[in-house]
């Protein structure tokens, strides 16, 4: 693995994903299509693709959520629970993203930036 840049404004989703898609289309061309089934314990909800909030007419996409976490509940308020409960805080230690030098070159960014 070479942690070099893919180029300015280039991402894996823009560069690598089409290559993977084309490969998989060729690899699975003779395989029958598999229908998508909602996993147990999940439900599909209509959401606005621009905001991620519950759709109220217009264009909508379906997103999977565990019941009680769908848009329109407190899930979109961050790490807060119901109004009568103490907010939940992550116990993860937030570390800034860093680039560290090694003898073999530059290591990729480390830390999660508080996302996990």
PDB file of N, CA and C in Angstrom:
ATOM      1  N   UNK A   1       0.841  -1.173   0.000  1.00  0.00           N
ATOM      2  CA  UNK A   1       0.000   0.000   0.000  1.00  0.00           C
ATOM      3  C   UNK A   1       0.884   1.233   0.000  1.00  0.00           C
ATOM      4  N   UNK A   2       0.556   2.172  -0.842  1.00  0.00           N
ATOM      5  CA  UNK A   2       1.311   3.409  -0.927  1.00  0.00           C
ATOM      6  C   UNK A   2       0.374   4.548  -0.548  1.00  0.00           C
ATOM      7  N   UNK A   3       0.597   5.181   0.603  1.00  0.00           N
ATOM      8  CA  UNK A   3      -0.343   6.204   1.070  1.00  0.00           C
ATOM      9  C   UNK A   3      -0.232   7.543   0.351  1.00  0.00           C
ATOM     10  N   UNK A   4       0.084   7.541  -0.926  1.00  0.00           N
ATOM     11  CA  UNK A   4       0.160   8.780  -1.687  1.00  0.00           C
ATOM     12  C   UNK A   4      -1.222   9.260  -2.077  1.00  0.00           C
ATOM     13  N   UNK A   5      -1.323  10.529  -2.379  1.00  0.00           N
ATOM     14  CA  UNK A   5      -2.576  11.141  -2.803  1.00  0.00           C
ATOM     15  C   UNK A   5      -3.013  10.556  -4.143  1.00  0.00           C
ATOM     16  N   UNK A   6      -4.329  10.450  -4.337  1.00  0.00           N
ATOM     17  CA  UNK A   6      -4.876  10.017  -5.619  1.00  0.00           C
ATOM     18  C   UNK A   6      -4.882  11.157  -6.622  1.00  0.00           C
ATOM     19  N   UNK A   7      -4.648  12.355  -6.147  1.00  0.00           N
ATOM     20  CA  UNK A   7      -4.681  13.546  -6.979  1.00  0.00           C
ATOM     21  C   UNK A   7      -5.579  14.580  -6.330  1.00  0.00           C
ATOM     22  N   UNK A   8      -5.496  15.798  -6.796  1.00  0.00           N
ATOM     23  CA  UNK A   8      -6.295  16.871  -6.202  1.00  0.00           C
ATOM     24  C   UNK A   8      -7.781  16.604  -6.396  1.00  0.00           C
ATOM     25  N   UNK A   9      -8.516  16.677  -5.308  1.00  0.00           N
ATOM     26  CA  UNK A   9      -9.968  16.463  -5.300  1.00  0.00           C
ATOM     27  C   UNK A   9     -10.381  15.072  -5.780  1.00  0.00           C
ATOM     28  N   UNK A  10      -9.497  14.099  -5.718  1.00  0.00           N
ATOM     29  CA  UNK A  10      -9.834  12.735  -6.111  1.00  0.00           C
ATOM     30  C   UNK A  10     -10.045  11.899  -4.855  1.00  0.00           C
ATOM     31  N   UNK A  11     -11.039  11.025  -4.901  1.00  0.00           N
ATOM     32  CA  UNK A  11     -11.339  10.158  -3.758  1.00  0.00           C
ATOM     33  C   UNK A  11     -11.489   8.732  -4.252  1.00  0.00           C
ATOM     34  N   UNK A  12     -11.473   7.793  -3.321  1.00  0.00           N
ATOM     35  CA  UNK A  12     -11.675   6.393  -3.681  1.00  0.00           C
ATOM     36  C   UNK A  12     -13.034   6.166  -4.318  1.00  0.00           C
ATOM     37  N   UNK A  13     -14.040   6.888  -3.835  1.00  0.00           N
ATOM     38  CA  UNK A  13     -15.376   6.752  -4.409  1.00  0.00           C
ATOM     39  C   UNK A  13     -15.463   7.253  -5.837  1.00  0.00           C
ATOM     40  N   UNK A  14     -14.606   8.175  -6.175  1.00  0.00           N
ATOM     41  CA  UNK A  14     -14.608   8.741  -7.527  1.00  0.00           C
ATOM     42  C   UNK A  14     -13.670   7.965  -8.456  1.00  0.00           C
ATOM     43  N   UNK A  15     -12.568   7.500  -7.931  1.00  0.00           N
ATOM     44  CA  UNK A  15     -11.563   6.819  -8.754  1.00  0.00           C
ATOM     45  C   UNK A  15     -11.690   5.297  -8.668  1.00  0.00           C
ATOM     46  N   UNK A  16     -11.684   4.740  -7.460  1.00  0.00           N
ATOM     47  CA  UNK A  16     -11.663   3.289  -7.293  1.00  0.00           C
ATOM     48  C   UNK A  16     -13.028   2.638  -7.451  1.00  0.00           C
ATOM     49  N   UNK A  17     -14.088   3.293  -7.010  1.00  0.00           N
ATOM     50  CA  UNK A  17     -15.420   2.674  -7.060  1.00  0.00           C
ATOM     51  C   UNK A  17     -15.851   2.291  -8.479  1.00  0.00           C
ATOM     52  N   UNK A  18     -15.648   3.134  -9.483  1.00  0.00           N
ATOM     53  CA  UNK A  18     -16.030   2.709 -10.835  1.00  0.00           C
ATOM     54  C   UNK A  18     -15.250   1.495 -11.329  1.00  0.00           C
ATOM     55  N   UNK A  19     -13.991   1.383 -10.946  1.00  0.00           N
ATOM     56  CA  UNK A  19     -13.190   0.220 -11.337  1.00  0.00           C
ATOM     57  C   UNK A  19     -13.759  -1.029 -10.676  1.00  0.00           C
ATOM     58  N   UNK A  20     -14.083  -0.934  -9.383  1.00  0.00           N
ATOM     59  CA  UNK A  20     -14.670  -2.064  -8.656  1.00  0.00           C
ATOM     60  C   UNK A  20     -16.024  -2.429  -9.261  1.00  0.00           C
ATOM     61  N   UNK A  21     -16.856  -1.432  -9.546  1.00  0.00           N
ATOM     62  CA  UNK A  21     -18.177  -1.679 -10.146  1.00  0.00           C
ATOM     63  C   UNK A  21     -18.036  -2.436 -11.468  1.00  0.00           C
ATOM     64  N   UNK A  22     -17.145  -1.966 -12.335  1.00  0.00           N
ATOM     65  CA  UNK A  22     -16.956  -2.621 -13.628  1.00  0.00           C
ATOM     66  C   UNK A  22     -16.459  -4.049 -13.464  1.00  0.00           C
ATOM     67  N   UNK A  23     -15.526  -4.248 -12.519  1.00  0.00           N
ATOM     68  CA  UNK A  23     -15.016  -5.587 -12.256  1.00  0.00           C
ATOM     69  C   UNK A  23     -16.139  -6.499 -11.795  1.00  0.00           C
ATOM     70  N   UNK A  24     -16.933  -6.031 -10.822  1.00  0.00           N
ATOM     71  CA  UNK A  24     -18.014  -6.859 -10.282  1.00  0.00           C
ATOM     72  C   UNK A  24     -19.092  -7.136 -11.322  1.00  0.00           C
ATOM     73  N   UNK A  25     -19.386  -6.191 -12.180  1.00  0.00           N
ATOM     74  CA  UNK A  25     -20.379  -6.417 -13.232  1.00  0.00           C
ATOM     75  C   UNK A  25     -19.909  -7.537 -14.163  1.00  0.00           C
ATOM     76  N   UNK A  26     -18.629  -7.528 -14.501  1.00  0.00           N
ATOM     77  CA  UNK A  26     -18.093  -8.585 -15.362  1.00  0.00           C
ATOM     78  C   UNK A  26     -18.036  -9.916 -14.611  1.00  0.00           C
ATOM     79  N   UNK A  27     -17.616  -9.884 -13.353  1.00  0.00           N
ATOM     80  CA  UNK A  27     -17.485 -11.119 -12.576  1.00  0.00           C
ATOM     81  C   UNK A  27     -18.839 -11.768 -12.309  1.00  0.00           C
ATOM     82  N   UNK A  28     -19.889 -10.968 -12.177  1.00  0.00           N
ATOM     83  CA  UNK A  28     -21.216 -11.496 -11.828  1.00  0.00           C
ATOM     84  C   UNK A  28     -22.197 -11.486 -12.996  1.00  0.00           C
ATOM     85  N   UNK A  29     -21.691 -11.310 -14.213  1.00  0.00           N
ATOM     86  CA  UNK A  29     -22.606 -11.165 -15.357  1.00  0.00           C
ATOM     87  C   UNK A  29     -23.510 -12.370 -15.559  1.00  0.00           C
ATOM     88  N   UNK A  30     -23.076 -13.563 -15.196  1.00  0.00           N
ATOM     89  CA  UNK A  30     -23.903 -14.757 -15.373  1.00  0.00           C
ATOM     90  C   UNK A  30     -24.631 -15.165 -14.087  1.00  0.00           C
ATOM     91  N   UNK A  31     -24.433 -14.425 -13.018  1.00  0.00           N
ATOM     92  CA  UNK A  31     -25.087 -14.749 -11.747  1.00  0.00           C
ATOM     93  C   UNK A  31     -26.480 -14.114 -11.716  1.00  0.00           C
ATOM     94  N   UNK A  32     -27.464 -14.807 -11.150  1.00  0.00           N
ATOM     95  CA  UNK A  32     -28.804 -14.215 -11.071  1.00  0.00           C
ATOM     96  C   UNK A  32     -28.820 -13.041 -10.090  1.00  0.00           C
ATOM     97  N   UNK A  33     -29.694 -12.086 -10.352  1.00  0.00           N
ATOM     98  CA  UNK A  33     -29.833 -10.937  -9.462  1.00  0.00           C
ATOM     99  C   UNK A  33     -30.358 -11.412  -8.111  1.00  0.00           C
ATOM    100  N   UNK A  34     -29.911 -10.765  -7.060  1.00  0.00           N
ATOM    101  CA  UNK A  34     -30.353 -11.091  -5.714  1.00  0.00           C
ATOM    102  C   UNK A  34     -31.192  -9.927  -5.203  1.00  0.00           C
ATOM    103  N   UNK A  35     -32.409 -10.216  -4.769  1.00  0.00           N
ATOM    104  CA  UNK A  35     -33.277  -9.171  -4.239  1.00  0.00           C
ATOM    105  C   UNK A  35     -32.748  -8.685  -2.896  1.00  0.00           C
ATOM    106  N   UNK A  36     -32.928  -7.399  -2.644  1.00  0.00           N
ATOM    107  CA  UNK A  36     -32.530  -6.837  -1.352  1.00  0.00           C
ATOM    108  C   UNK A  36     -33.617  -7.122  -0.332  1.00  0.00           C
ATOM    109  N   UNK A  37     -33.216  -7.635   0.809  1.00  0.00           N
ATOM    110  CA  UNK A  37     -34.141  -7.874   1.909  1.00  0.00           C
ATOM    111  C   UNK A  37     -33.700  -7.017   3.088  1.00  0.00           C
ATOM    112  N   UNK A  38     -34.635  -6.342   3.696  1.00  0.00           N
ATOM    113  CA  UNK A  38     -34.325  -5.528   4.871  1.00  0.00           C
ATOM    114  C   UNK A  38     -33.869  -6.451   5.997  1.00  0.00           C
ATOM    115  N   UNK A  39     -32.711  -6.164   6.588  1.00  0.00           N
ATOM    116  CA  UNK A  39     -32.212  -7.025   7.677  1.00  0.00           C
ATOM    117  C   UNK A  39     -33.182  -7.056   8.850  1.00  0.00           C
ATOM    118  N   UNK A  40     -33.201  -8.162   9.599  1.00  0.00           N
ATOM    119  CA  UNK A  40     -34.068  -8.253  10.780  1.00  0.00           C
ATOM    120  C   UNK A  40     -33.791  -7.102  11.748  1.00  0.00           C
ATOM    121  N   UNK A  41     -34.849  -6.543  12.294  1.00  0.00           N
ATOM    122  CA  UNK A  41     -34.708  -5.457  13.258  1.00  0.00           C
ATOM    123  C   UNK A  41     -34.533  -4.085  12.635  1.00  0.00           C
ATOM    124  N   UNK A  42     -34.586  -4.009  11.317  1.00  0.00           N
ATOM    125  CA  UNK A  42     -34.428  -2.725  10.623  1.00  0.00           C
ATOM    126  C   UNK A  42     -35.698  -2.408   9.852  1.00  0.00           C
ATOM    127  N   UNK A  43     -35.927  -1.121   9.620  1.00  0.00           N
ATOM    128  CA  UNK A  43     -37.047  -0.682   8.791  1.00  0.00           C
ATOM    129  C   UNK A  43     -36.542   0.369   7.830  1.00  0.00           C
ATOM    130  N   UNK A  44     -37.165   0.436   6.654  1.00  0.00           N
ATOM    131  CA  UNK A  44     -36.824   1.468   5.683  1.00  0.00           C
ATOM    132  C   UNK A  44     -37.756   2.657   5.883  1.00  0.00           C
ATOM    133  N   UNK A  45     -37.176   3.861   5.919  1.00  0.00           N
ATOM    134  CA  UNK A  45     -37.936   5.092   6.097  1.00  0.00           C
ATOM    135  C   UNK A  45     -37.614   6.031   4.939  1.00  0.00           C
ATOM    136  N   UNK A  46     -38.619   6.805   4.526  1.00  0.00           N
ATOM    137  CA  UNK A  46     -38.422   7.809   3.482  1.00  0.00           C
ATOM    138  C   UNK A  46     -37.740   9.024   4.104  1.00  0.00           C
ATOM    139  N   UNK A  47     -36.614   9.426   3.512  1.00  0.00           N
ATOM    140  CA  UNK A  47     -35.903  10.601   4.004  1.00  0.00           C
ATOM    141  C   UNK A  47     -35.584  11.536   2.847  1.00  0.00           C
ATOM    142  N   UNK A  48     -35.407  12.797   3.184  1.00  0.00           N
ATOM    143  CA  UNK A  48     -35.000  13.795   2.209  1.00  0.00           C
ATOM    144  C   UNK A  48     -33.514  13.584   1.938  1.00  0.00           C
ATOM    145  N   UNK A  49     -33.098  13.361   0.675  1.00  0.00           N
ATOM    146  CA  UNK A  49     -31.689  13.083   0.408  1.00  0.00           C
ATOM    147  C   UNK A  49     -30.768  14.267   0.677  1.00  0.00           C
ATOM    148  N   UNK A  50     -31.299  15.482   0.684  1.00  0.00           N
ATOM    149  CA  UNK A  50     -30.458  16.652   0.924  1.00  0.00           C
ATOM    150  C   UNK A  50     -30.224  16.899   2.412  1.00  0.00           C
ATOM    151  N   UNK A  51     -31.215  16.550   3.257  1.00  0.00           N
ATOM    152  CA  UNK A  51     -31.099  16.871   4.682  1.00  0.00           C
ATOM    153  C   UNK A  51     -30.963  15.651   5.574  1.00  0.00           C
ATOM    154  N   UNK A  52     -31.410  14.485   5.100  1.00  0.00           N
ATOM    155  CA  UNK A  52     -31.404  13.286   5.936  1.00  0.00           C
ATOM    156  C   UNK A  52     -32.555  13.249   6.924  1.00  0.00           C
ATOM    157  N   UNK A  53     -33.432  14.254   6.868  1.00  0.00           N
ATOM    158  CA  UNK A  53     -34.586  14.293   7.767  1.00  0.00           C
ATOM    159  C   UNK A  53     -35.756  13.586   7.115  1.00  0.00           C
ATOM    160  N   UNK A  54     -36.786  13.338   7.890  1.00  0.00           N
ATOM    161  CA  UNK A  54     -37.978  12.665   7.365  1.00  0.00           C
ATOM    162  C   UNK A  54     -38.494  13.412   6.137  1.00  0.00           C
ATOM    163  N   UNK A  55     -38.853  12.655   5.108  1.00  0.00           N
ATOM    164  CA  UNK A  55     -39.341  13.257   3.870  1.00  0.00           C
ATOM    165  C   UNK A  55     -40.777  13.719   4.049  1.00  0.00           C
ATOM    166  N   UNK A  56     -41.057  14.879   3.511  1.00  0.00           N
ATOM    167  CA  UNK A  56     -42.436  15.394   3.556  1.00  0.00           C
ATOM    168  C   UNK A  56     -42.823  15.788   2.135  1.00  0.00           C
ATOM    169  N   UNK A  57     -42.997  14.781   1.282  1.00  0.00           N
ATOM    170  CA  UNK A  57     -43.329  15.042  -0.109  1.00  0.00           C
ATOM    171  C   UNK A  57     -42.062  15.295  -0.920  1.00  0.00           C
ATOM    172  N   UNK A  58     -42.247  15.458  -2.202  1.00  0.00           N
ATOM    173  CA  UNK A  58     -41.096  15.710  -3.064  1.00  0.00           C
ATOM    174  C   UNK A  58     -40.214  14.484  -3.192  1.00  0.00           C
ATOM    175  N   UNK A  59     -38.974  14.722  -3.555  1.00  0.00           N
ATOM    176  CA  UNK A  59     -38.052  13.604  -3.729  1.00  0.00           C
ATOM    177  C   UNK A  59     -37.683  13.001  -2.376  1.00  0.00           C
ATOM    178  N   UNK A  60     -37.613  11.693  -2.356  1.00  0.00           N
ATOM    179  CA  UNK A  60     -37.220  10.991  -1.133  1.00  0.00           C
ATOM    180  C   UNK A  60     -36.443   9.745  -1.519  1.00  0.00           C
ATOM    181  N   UNK A  61     -35.597   9.314  -0.617  1.00  0.00           N
ATOM    182  CA  UNK A  61     -34.901   8.046  -0.764  1.00  0.00           C
ATOM    183  C   UNK A  61     -35.245   7.206   0.454  1.00  0.00           C
ATOM    184  N   UNK A  62     -34.996   5.923   0.379  1.00  0.00           N
ATOM    185  CA  UNK A  62     -35.224   5.037   1.513  1.00  0.00           C
ATOM    186  C   UNK A  62     -33.899   4.778   2.211  1.00  0.00           C
ATOM    187  N   UNK A  63     -33.897   4.928   3.523  1.00  0.00           N
ATOM    188  CA  UNK A  63     -32.730   4.649   4.354  1.00  0.00           C
ATOM    189  C   UNK A  63     -33.160   3.685   5.453  1.00  0.00           C
ATOM    190  N   UNK A  64     -32.266   2.775   5.836  1.00  0.00           N
ATOM    191  CA  UNK A  64     -32.563   1.806   6.878  1.00  0.00           C
ATOM    192  C   UNK A  64     -32.209   2.322   8.256  1.00  0.00           C
ATOM    193  N   UNK A  65     -33.112   2.122   9.212  1.00  0.00           N
ATOM    194  CA  UNK A  65     -32.901   2.533  10.599  1.00  0.00           C
ATOM    195  C   UNK A  65     -33.450   1.468  11.527  1.00  0.00           C
ATOM    196  N   UNK A  66     -32.882   1.396  12.720  1.00  0.00           N
ATOM    197  CA  UNK A  66     -33.505   0.613  13.784  1.00  0.00           C
ATOM    198  C   UNK A  66     -34.711   1.421  14.243  1.00  0.00           C
ATOM    199  N   UNK A  67     -35.848   0.783  14.466  1.00  0.00           N
ATOM    200  CA  UNK A  67     -37.015   1.531  14.952  1.00  0.00           C
ATOM    201  C   UNK A  67     -36.658   2.347  16.199  1.00  0.00           C
ATOM    202  N   UNK A  68     -37.098   3.589  16.202  1.00  0.00           N
ATOM    203  CA  UNK A  68     -36.787   4.504  17.292  1.00  0.00           C
ATOM    204  C   UNK A  68     -35.603   5.394  17.011  1.00  0.00           C
ATOM    205  N   UNK A  69     -34.858   5.131  15.932  1.00  0.00           N
ATOM    206  CA  UNK A  69     -33.709   5.967  15.578  1.00  0.00           C
ATOM    207  C   UNK A  69     -33.931   6.696  14.258  1.00  0.00           C
ATOM    208  N   UNK A  70     -35.099   6.511  13.655  1.00  0.00           N
ATOM    209  CA  UNK A  70     -35.384   7.124  12.357  1.00  0.00           C
ATOM    210  C   UNK A  70     -35.523   8.640  12.469  1.00  0.00           C
ATOM    211  N   UNK A  71     -35.433   9.359  11.338  1.00  0.00           N
ATOM    212  CA  UNK A  71     -35.619  10.809  11.365  1.00  0.00           C
ATOM    213  C   UNK A  71     -36.965  11.158  11.996  1.00  0.00           C
ATOM    214  N   UNK A  72     -36.973  12.236  12.742  1.00  0.00           N
ATOM    215  CA  UNK A  72     -38.184  12.633  13.449  1.00  0.00           C
ATOM    216  C   UNK A  72     -38.117  12.254  14.913  1.00  0.00           C
ATOM    217  N   UNK A  73     -37.105  11.443  15.275  1.00  0.00           N
ATOM    218  CA  UNK A  73     -36.865  11.114  16.676  1.00  0.00           C
ATOM    219  C   UNK A  73     -35.644  11.904  17.113  1.00  0.00           C
ATOM    220  N   UNK A  74     -35.212  11.728  18.344  1.00  0.00           N
ATOM    221  CA  UNK A  74     -34.068  12.487  18.855  1.00  0.00           C
ATOM    222  C   UNK A  74     -32.743  12.087  18.225  1.00  0.00           C
ATOM    223  N   UNK A  75     -32.735  11.107  17.329  1.00  0.00           N
ATOM    224  CA  UNK A  75     -31.478  10.661  16.735  1.00  0.00           C
ATOM    225  C   UNK A  75     -30.770  11.772  15.988  1.00  0.00           C
ATOM    226  N   UNK A  76     -31.504  12.726  15.440  1.00  0.00           N
ATOM    227  CA  UNK A  76     -30.854  13.780  14.665  1.00  0.00           C
ATOM    228  C   UNK A  76     -30.373  14.938  15.545  1.00  0.00           C
ATOM    229  N   UNK A  77     -30.502  14.810  16.864  1.00  0.00           N
ATOM    230  CA  UNK A  77     -30.055  15.861  17.768  1.00  0.00           C
ATOM    231  C   UNK A  77     -28.653  15.599  18.304  1.00  0.00           C
ATOM    232  N   UNK A  78     -27.968  14.642  17.771  1.00  0.00           N
ATOM    233  CA  UNK A  78     -26.628  14.335  18.232  1.00  0.00           C
ATOM    234  C   UNK A  78     -26.650  13.188  19.215  1.00  0.00           C
ATOM    235  N   UNK A  79     -25.855  13.276  20.259  1.00  0.00           N
ATOM    236  CA  UNK A  79     -25.736  12.192  21.230  1.00  0.00           C
ATOM    237  C   UNK A  79     -26.683  12.381  22.400  1.00  0.00           C
ATOM    238  N   UNK A  80     -27.818  12.987  22.189  1.00  0.00           N
ATOM    239  CA  UNK A  80     -28.765  13.196  23.260  1.00  0.00           C
ATOM    240  C   UNK A  80     -29.830  12.123  23.228  1.00  0.00           C
ATOM    241  N   UNK A  81     -30.275  11.710  24.393  1.00  0.00           N
ATOM    242  CA  UNK A  81     -31.364  10.755  24.498  1.00  0.00           C
ATOM    243  C   UNK A  81     -32.676  11.498  24.589  1.00  0.00           C
ATOM    244  N   UNK A  82     -33.716  10.830  25.057  1.00  0.00           N
ATOM    245  CA  UNK A  82     -35.004  11.498  25.243  1.00  0.00           C
ATOM    246  C   UNK A  82     -34.849  12.708  26.164  1.00  0.00           C
ATOM    247  N   UNK A  83     -35.739  13.734  26.044  1.00  0.00           N
ATOM    248  CA  UNK A  83     -35.590  14.970  26.809  1.00  0.00           C
ATOM    249  C   UNK A  83     -35.511  14.770  28.313  1.00  0.00           C
ATOM    250  N   UNK A  84     -36.087  13.688  28.842  1.00  0.00           N
ATOM    251  CA  UNK A  84     -36.079  13.493  30.294  1.00  0.00           C
ATOM    252  C   UNK A  84     -34.855  12.729  30.778  1.00  0.00           C
ATOM    253  N   UNK A  85     -33.920  12.433  29.888  1.00  0.00           N
ATOM    254  CA  UNK A  85     -32.724  11.693  30.286  1.00  0.00           C
ATOM    255  C   UNK A  85     -31.496  12.580  30.202  1.00  0.00           C
ATOM    256  N   UNK A  86     -30.455  12.206  30.926  1.00  0.00           N
ATOM    257  CA  UNK A  86     -29.178  12.891  30.849  1.00  0.00           C
ATOM    258  C   UNK A  86     -28.547  12.582  29.500  1.00  0.00           C
ATOM    259  N   UNK A  87     -28.003  13.586  28.794  1.00  0.00           N
ATOM    260  CA  UNK A  87     -27.376  13.314  27.498  1.00  0.00           C
ATOM    261  C   UNK A  87     -26.283  12.262  27.615  1.00  0.00           C
ATOM    262  N   UNK A  88     -26.173  11.436  26.598  1.00  0.00           N
ATOM    263  CA  UNK A  88     -25.160  10.387  26.545  1.00  0.00           C
ATOM    264  C   UNK A  88     -23.912  10.981  25.907  1.00  0.00           C
ATOM    265  N   UNK A  89     -22.784  10.760  26.477  1.00  0.00           N
ATOM    266  CA  UNK A  89     -21.524  11.243  25.915  1.00  0.00           C
ATOM    267  C   UNK A  89     -20.641  10.060  25.578  1.00  0.00           C
ATOM    268  N   UNK A  90     -19.898  10.198  24.516  1.00  0.00           N
ATOM    269  CA  UNK A  90     -18.999   9.140  24.104  1.00  0.00           C
ATOM    270  C   UNK A  90     -17.854   9.019  25.093  1.00  0.00           C
ATOM    271  N   UNK A  91     -17.453   7.781  25.368  1.00  0.00           N
ATOM    272  CA  UNK A  91     -16.313   7.573  26.247  1.00  0.00           C
ATOM    273  C   UNK A  91     -15.010   7.500  25.442  1.00  0.00           C
ATOM    274  N   UNK A  92     -15.120   7.598  24.125  1.00  0.00           N
ATOM    275  CA  UNK A  92     -13.928   7.534  23.279  1.00  0.00           C
ATOM    276  C   UNK A  92     -13.083   8.784  23.480  1.00  0.00           C
ATOM    277  N   UNK A  93     -11.788   8.602  23.488  1.00  0.00           N
ATOM    278  CA  UNK A  93     -10.871   9.724  23.601  1.00  0.00           C
ATOM    279  C   UNK A  93     -10.727  10.344  22.223  1.00  0.00           C
ATOM    280  N   UNK A  94     -11.008  11.614  22.116  1.00  0.00           N
ATOM    281  CA  UNK A  94     -10.877  12.279  20.830  1.00  0.00           C
ATOM    282  C   UNK A  94      -9.432  12.684  20.636  1.00  0.00           C
ATOM    283  N   UNK A  95      -8.883  12.288  19.495  1.00  0.00           N
ATOM    284  CA  UNK A  95      -7.518  12.652  19.154  1.00  0.00           C
ATOM    285  C   UNK A  95      -7.542  13.343  17.808  1.00  0.00           C
ATOM    286  N   UNK A  96      -6.783  14.407  17.629  1.00  0.00           N
ATOM    287  CA  UNK A  96      -6.754  15.050  16.316  1.00  0.00           C
ATOM    288  C   UNK A  96      -6.075  14.136  15.305  1.00  0.00           C
ATOM    289  N   UNK A  97      -6.450  14.275  14.047  1.00  0.00           N
ATOM    290  CA  UNK A  97      -5.791  13.513  12.993  1.00  0.00           C
ATOM    291  C   UNK A  97      -4.378  14.021  12.850  1.00  0.00           C
ATOM    292  N   UNK A  98      -3.435  13.092  12.716  1.00  0.00           N
ATOM    293  CA  UNK A  98      -2.029  13.477  12.595  1.00  0.00           C
ATOM    294  C   UNK A  98      -1.380  12.686  11.476  1.00  0.00           C
ATOM    295  N   UNK A  99      -0.284  13.202  10.969  1.00  0.00           N
ATOM    296  CA  UNK A  99       0.543  12.466  10.017  1.00  0.00           C
ATOM    297  C   UNK A  99       1.888  12.277  10.692  1.00  0.00           C
ATOM    298  N   UNK A 100       2.322  11.034  10.774  1.00  0.00           N
ATOM    299  CA  UNK A 100       3.554  10.735  11.470  1.00  0.00           C
ATOM    300  C   UNK A 100       4.577  10.218  10.467  1.00  0.00           C
ATOM    301  N   UNK A 101       5.813  10.663  10.615  1.00  0.00           N
ATOM    302  CA  UNK A 101       6.891  10.208   9.739  1.00  0.00           C
ATOM    303  C   UNK A 101       7.401   8.858  10.233  1.00  0.00           C
ATOM    304  N   UNK A 102       7.696   7.960   9.310  1.00  0.00           N
ATOM    305  CA  UNK A 102       8.366   6.706   9.641  1.00  0.00           C
ATOM    306  C   UNK A 102       9.573   6.589   8.736  1.00  0.00           C
ATOM    307  N   UNK A 103      10.414   5.611   9.011  1.00  0.00           N
ATOM    308  CA  UNK A 103      11.583   5.424   8.178  1.00  0.00           C
ATOM    309  C   UNK A 103      11.238   5.039   6.748  1.00  0.00           C
ATOM    310  N   UNK A 104      10.068   4.443   6.527  1.00  0.00           N
ATOM    311  CA  UNK A 104       9.693   3.976   5.193  1.00  0.00           C
ATOM    312  C   UNK A 104       8.873   5.001   4.423  1.00  0.00           C
ATOM    313  N   UNK A 105       8.638   6.164   4.983  1.00  0.00           N
ATOM    314  CA  UNK A 105       7.817   7.163   4.299  1.00  0.00           C
ATOM    315  C   UNK A 105       6.815   7.755   5.253  1.00  0.00           C
ATOM    316  N   UNK A 106       5.768   8.263   4.721  1.00  0.00           N
ATOM    317  CA  UNK A 106       4.755   8.915   5.546  1.00  0.00           C
ATOM    318  C   UNK A 106       3.623   7.937   5.834  1.00  0.00           C
ATOM    319  N   UNK A 107       3.250   7.833   7.097  1.00  0.00           N
ATOM    320  CA  UNK A 107       2.139   6.963   7.483  1.00  0.00           C
ATOM    321  C   UNK A 107       0.827   7.685   7.196  1.00  0.00           C
ATOM    322  N   UNK A 108      -0.225   6.949   6.896  1.00  0.00           N
ATOM    323  CA  UNK A 108      -1.515   7.600   6.700  1.00  0.00           C
ATOM    324  C   UNK A 108      -1.989   8.250   7.995  1.00  0.00           C
ATOM    325  N   UNK A 109      -2.974   9.118   7.878  1.00  0.00           N
ATOM    326  CA  UNK A 109      -3.500   9.815   9.043  1.00  0.00           C
ATOM    327  C   UNK A 109      -3.927   8.805  10.099  1.00  0.00           C
ATOM    328  N   UNK A 110      -3.714   9.138  11.359  1.00  0.00           N
ATOM    329  CA  UNK A 110      -4.132   8.262  12.445  1.00  0.00           C
ATOM    330  C   UNK A 110      -5.093   9.021  13.347  1.00  0.00           C
ATOM    331  N   UNK A 111      -5.804   8.298  14.178  1.00  0.00           N
ATOM    332  CA  UNK A 111      -6.803   8.909  15.041  1.00  0.00           C
ATOM    333  C   UNK A 111      -8.135   8.935  14.309  1.00  0.00           C
ATOM    334  N   UNK A 112      -9.182   9.133  15.039  1.00  0.00           N
ATOM    335  CA  UNK A 112     -10.505   9.130  14.417  1.00  0.00           C
ATOM    336  C   UNK A 112     -11.101  10.509  14.335  1.00  0.00           C
ATOM    337  N   UNK A 113     -10.435  11.508  14.906  1.00  0.00           N
ATOM    338  CA  UNK A 113     -10.981  12.847  14.879  1.00  0.00           C
ATOM    339  C   UNK A 113     -12.274  12.956  15.669  1.00  0.00           C
ATOM    340  N   UNK A 114     -12.522  12.003  16.576  1.00  0.00           N
ATOM    341  CA  UNK A 114     -13.706  12.047  17.408  1.00  0.00           C
ATOM    342  C   UNK A 114     -14.944  11.465  16.757  1.00  0.00           C
ATOM    343  N   UNK A 115     -14.792  10.810  15.604  1.00  0.00           N
ATOM    344  CA  UNK A 115     -15.949  10.269  14.917  1.00  0.00           C
ATOM    345  C   UNK A 115     -16.446   8.974  15.516  1.00  0.00           C
ATOM    346  N   UNK A 116     -15.600   8.204  16.185  1.00  0.00           N
ATOM    347  CA  UNK A 116     -16.006   6.896  16.688  1.00  0.00           C
ATOM    348  C   UNK A 116     -15.959   6.848  18.179  1.00  0.00           C
TER     349      UNK A 116
END
